[in-house]
Protein backbone atom coordinates (compact mmCIF):
# COMPACT_ATOMS: atom_id res chain seq x y z
CA UNK A 1 1.96 -1.27 -55.11
CA UNK A 2 5.87 -1.56 -54.84
CA UNK A 3 6.72 -2.31 -51.38
CA UNK A 4 10.38 -0.90 -50.87
CA UNK A 5 12.06 -0.02 -48.11
CA UNK A 6 13.66 2.77 -47.52
CA UNK A 7 16.72 1.67 -48.46
CA UNK A 8 15.51 0.10 -51.86
CA UNK A 9 13.79 3.20 -52.41
CA UNK A 10 16.69 5.15 -52.75
CA UNK A 11 18.73 2.78 -54.97
CA UNK A 12 15.34 2.79 -56.89
CA UNK A 13 15.81 6.20 -57.51
CA UNK A 14 19.42 6.57 -58.24
CA UNK A 15 18.85 3.20 -60.83
CA UNK A 16 15.60 3.85 -62.54
CA UNK A 17 15.50 6.06 -65.33
CA UNK A 18 13.77 9.58 -64.59
CA UNK A 19 11.43 9.03 -67.33
CA UNK A 20 10.13 5.82 -65.94
CA UNK A 21 8.06 7.18 -63.12
CA UNK A 22 5.63 10.00 -62.90
CA UNK A 23 5.26 12.09 -59.71
CA UNK A 24 2.57 9.19 -58.36
CA UNK A 25 4.86 6.95 -58.80
CA UNK A 26 7.36 8.73 -57.11
CA UNK A 27 5.05 9.60 -54.48
CA UNK A 28 3.48 6.27 -54.03
CA UNK A 29 6.73 4.14 -54.51
CA UNK A 30 5.93 2.38 -57.88
CA UNK A 31 8.48 3.56 -59.74
CA UNK A 32 6.29 3.55 -62.99
CA UNK A 33 3.58 5.99 -64.25
CA UNK A 34 0.81 5.68 -61.97
CA UNK A 35 -2.76 7.04 -62.83
CA UNK A 36 -5.51 7.87 -60.09
CA UNK A 37 -8.28 6.28 -61.31
CA UNK A 38 -10.06 2.73 -63.10
CA UNK A 39 -9.96 1.99 -66.52
CA UNK A 40 -14.18 2.05 -66.14
CA UNK A 41 -14.63 4.84 -63.81
CA UNK A 42 -12.36 7.87 -65.28
CA UNK A 43 -12.39 11.23 -63.18
CA UNK A 44 -12.99 14.98 -65.72
CA UNK A 45 -9.98 16.65 -64.22
CA UNK A 46 -10.97 19.48 -66.35
CA UNK A 47 -13.99 19.68 -63.84
CA UNK A 48 -12.06 18.90 -60.89
CA UNK A 49 -15.01 18.18 -58.50
CA UNK A 50 -15.37 16.65 -55.71
CA UNK A 51 -17.01 13.77 -57.94
CA UNK A 52 -13.94 13.54 -59.57
CA UNK A 53 -11.12 13.82 -56.48
CA UNK A 54 -13.75 10.73 -55.19
CA UNK A 55 -13.34 8.75 -57.96
CA UNK A 56 -9.01 9.42 -57.75
CA UNK A 57 -9.10 8.55 -54.17
CA UNK A 58 -11.53 5.55 -53.63
CA UNK A 59 -8.93 3.96 -57.09
CA UNK A 60 -6.31 5.30 -55.00
CA UNK A 61 -7.09 3.30 -51.89
CA UNK A 62 -7.97 0.46 -53.59
CA UNK A 63 -4.93 -0.21 -55.63
CA UNK A 64 -2.52 0.50 -52.18
CA UNK A 65 -5.24 -1.69 -49.74
CA UNK A 66 -4.50 -1.70 -47.19
CA UNK A 67 -1.31 0.53 -47.29
CA UNK A 68 -3.08 3.97 -48.02
CA UNK A 69 -5.65 6.16 -46.11
CA UNK A 70 -6.63 9.46 -45.80
CA UNK A 71 -5.45 11.84 -43.08
CA UNK A 72 -7.33 14.74 -42.83
CA UNK A 73 -4.37 16.84 -40.97
CA UNK A 74 -0.39 16.04 -40.95
CA UNK A 75 -0.65 15.68 -36.98
CA UNK A 76 -2.79 12.04 -38.08
CA UNK A 77 0.61 10.50 -39.59
CA UNK A 78 1.00 7.46 -37.45
CA UNK A 79 4.61 6.28 -36.86
CA UNK A 80 5.90 4.18 -40.28
CA UNK A 81 3.91 5.91 -42.55
CA UNK A 82 4.39 8.78 -45.20
CA UNK A 83 2.50 11.89 -45.75
CA UNK A 84 1.75 12.21 -49.16
CA UNK A 85 -0.09 15.42 -51.05
CA UNK A 86 -2.75 14.76 -53.49
CA UNK A 87 -3.98 17.89 -55.93
CA UNK A 88 -6.31 18.72 -59.30
CA UNK A 89 -5.63 21.75 -61.24
CA UNK A 90 -8.86 21.67 -63.45
CA UNK A 91 -6.80 21.65 -66.44
CA UNK A 92 -6.74 18.47 -66.98
CA UNK A 93 -3.80 17.59 -64.92
CA UNK A 94 -2.64 16.04 -61.14
CA UNK A 95 0.24 15.94 -59.15
CA UNK A 96 1.48 14.27 -56.04
CA UNK A 97 4.29 15.17 -53.18
CA UNK A 98 6.01 13.28 -50.43
CA UNK A 99 7.19 14.41 -46.96
CA UNK A 100 10.28 12.38 -46.18
CA UNK A 101 11.70 10.77 -43.64
CA UNK A 102 14.01 13.68 -43.39
CA UNK A 103 11.13 15.72 -42.59
CA UNK A 104 11.45 17.84 -46.54
CA UNK A 105 8.87 17.21 -48.98
CA UNK A 106 9.58 16.08 -52.77
CA UNK A 107 8.25 15.96 -55.60
CA UNK A 108 8.70 15.40 -59.04
CA UNK A 109 7.29 16.39 -62.13
CA UNK A 110 6.40 14.65 -65.09
CA UNK A 111 8.54 12.84 -67.82
CA UNK A 112 12.55 13.48 -67.10
CA UNK A 113 12.23 16.42 -64.56
CA UNK A 114 14.74 15.51 -61.51
CA UNK A 115 12.68 14.76 -58.12
CA UNK A 116 12.52 18.64 -56.58
CA UNK A 117 13.06 19.43 -52.67
CA UNK A 118 10.28 21.95 -51.59
CA UNK A 119 9.38 23.72 -48.50
CA UNK A 120 5.69 22.45 -45.94
CA UNK A 121 4.93 26.22 -46.75
CA UNK A 122 4.95 25.33 -50.86
CA UNK A 123 3.22 22.57 -50.63
CA UNK A 124 0.14 24.33 -48.44
CA UNK A 125 0.56 26.99 -50.32
CA UNK A 126 -2.27 27.86 -52.40
CA UNK A 127 -1.11 26.46 -56.05
CA UNK A 128 1.87 24.50 -56.79
CA UNK A 129 3.87 25.30 -59.44
CA UNK A 130 1.65 27.89 -60.52
CA UNK A 131 -0.69 25.47 -61.23
CA UNK A 132 -2.72 22.73 -59.54
CA UNK A 133 -4.61 25.20 -57.06
CA UNK A 134 -7.79 22.79 -56.20
CA UNK A 135 -7.92 21.67 -53.01
CA UNK A 136 -5.16 19.44 -51.28
CA UNK A 137 -6.19 15.52 -50.13
CA UNK A 138 -3.80 14.12 -47.91
CA UNK A 139 -2.68 10.39 -47.63
CA UNK A 140 -1.29 8.25 -44.78
CA UNK A 141 1.22 5.66 -46.92
CA UNK A 142 2.22 2.96 -44.40
CA UNK A 143 6.32 2.64 -44.91
CA UNK A 144 7.12 -1.68 -45.32
């Protein structure tokens, strides 16, 4: 994991071409293309069932240990943690959203899309981007 402080993160966002990172890379501060699985155990994003979520969660917790944990509600966030929301679409894809220090939520679609600010209502809506409609998993990412 790329551990960067907030000021460094702002500089990364400004200097790294948007096509070099996806929603996961943005939300989790890797600023690369991040996929929530390991080479030996890949989820079936088309099925997007509990087993597939468990594969993704297990991989994320391994990749970002000890700085990432699953939370049940937003009230479980501690000081110096950032909320990350993760969801599958059942059509072969996944998506991440991140809550900023200013209280707004942000996300980045793949390739060269910009970072968009969205409302909390949109984050906890039944669907993201008219596509991602499977259960939401919340994570707390420790800020460095």
